[in-house]
Structures are given as C-alpha cells and as structure tokens.
C-alpha cells in the first residue's frame, strides 16, 4: 500500500491526539485538521497540523484534494452535555453542519470511507448495564441529539454514495497516554475524573451533578474506557475498512460501570487525601447508568480494552494532571 495518508478532523483534541499517535506509530501519514478552538497545537506531535475549520468548505475540499487520504477519521465536535443544554444551536451548527460539509467533500473527491466519533449518550436513559449496539436511541441532550443526527447522515451517505463507515460510540473516555506525553487539556469539556483529581491537587471543592439517580449510591454509573484503548479501536477500524469489510457501528467501553462516588473514593486512596465535594442538581440529559456491551467490537474488530482497568485509568490521569 503506497498511499498511507489519513485525514483526521479534531486531531489536536484529547482523543484525537492519542489517535494520531497510534496511527503514526503504525506507519500511517497523519494530516490533522483542527481550528484549535478546543484542541491544542502542542498536542499535534505526530503528523502535520492543518489549522482550518470544517465550516470553511473551500479549505476542506482543497485539503482533501491535496492529501487524497485512504481513510478519514471525523473526531471534531463540541462534546459537553452541560454546555449543549445552554448552547443548543451552537452544537447543532458545529457538529451537524461540519459533518454535512465533510460528507460533501468526501463525495466530491470519490473518497470511500469514514470513521465517525459518536457517543453512548445517543442511547439516552437506559436501565440496562449491558447496552448493545441495536438499542433504540433516545438522546436527552442537544449534544447527544447532534451525534445521532450525524450518524444518520453518514449512514445515508453509505446508502446513496457507497461511502463505507465505521461508527465508534465511546462510553466515557478517561486516562492519559501511558508515556505521559499527552492527555486531557480542554476546559470546555469537564470530564469527571480530571475534575476530581484537580480538586484534590488544588484543594478546591468538587461539585457533583446529582445524588438522586437510580443507582446503589445515588450518583450516576458510567463505563470508563482508557483513551489508548479508544485509539486502538480507531486503528482497527481503519484496517477493517481498508480490508473492504462492511460498514458497521460499535460500542467502545470497558464493559464495567463505576459510580461517581466510587471514583471519588478510589482517587482518595490513590492520593491519600480526602475529596471535598458538594452536590448540585442533576443535569438535564444525564442518564442513570450507561455501561457498554463490547461483545461486537471484540468479535468483529478484534478489539480489547487492554488499558481500561480502573487502576491504569486513574494512575495515568493523575500522572498527567501532576505534569500539567
């Protein structure tokens, strides 16, 4: 295979930078398009950074024409449930319109595959702790709704234009690079594990949204998956599509759920310090429990959550927060 160019939108972000590292280390040439509104220039250490916006269709088309990628990974999006409740139209425009622009450009240059970053939040509030890919979607926030719409846009492109796809629905991305080179650094997306760690390091009060969920301790239960394992899933998805396998969608999680208070207790034991916290009302759009069935990803992609045990997730997250 002579052409090994891969085009990644949002590659300067938390997940994107880890995906760039994984693919670059496996021999691909990485071209990362990012407007740096949420990503970081310093995080693009593997591949070439193209500073541009998916809303600029001319820049996007010219970039794709020049690079002629064998695969496109679409990660760029606003991705915070709470913020989306406050700014729904910003989320619709940024997430949906940019995906439409990307599909138009892919069609124009007869590119034939795309890997899309989706979210478990599209499922809504499901009581099951073993969510399979065929569950009916019921998004509860503008963010989740935008991801569902983008999935449907991509599936329509497959039906109309034979653009093959892999949709990866992440559960809760967590942890940091095992070598501590990159990690989460986006104040617009307040992931719970970094927030807990920073509250201890900075001796500040942690605010937890909701203690009235239908769970064993009243706090919501989430499936935390290490960002390196998410990067591995993208690498396997690229191989899947390049080997002419059919379009498909996969849950990417650890298959195990932990409540927010369980994470708090575990971090307290790691840092030998108490977490000072208070409860706020629960946010609109937050489900009681979201835990993945990962059987399909294991069987079809050959994927395994190697780094997603809680100890590895928290150790790497703590090391990264101490380094920042």
Foldseek 3Di string as FASTA:
>chain_A
DPAQEEEEEPLQAFLNLLLLVVSQVVPHAYEYEYCCPFGDPQSNPHHHYDNDALLPLVVLLVVCVVRVHQEYEYDDAQAAQQVCQVVLVVRLCRLQVSLVSNLVSCLVVVHAEYEYEAALLQQFADPDQADFPPRDGDHFGSNSVSRVVSVVVVVVCCVPPVRAYEYEHEWAEFFHDPVLSGHHDGPSHDRLLLQQLVCFVVVHAAEAAWQCFPDPRSAAKTFYAYSNLVSVLVVLRSVCVVVVHGHDYFYDTQQDIDGSVRSQVVVCVVVVHHHHYDYDHHDGSDYRYYHYNGVCCCVRSVGHRPQRDPVSRNVRSNVNSVVD
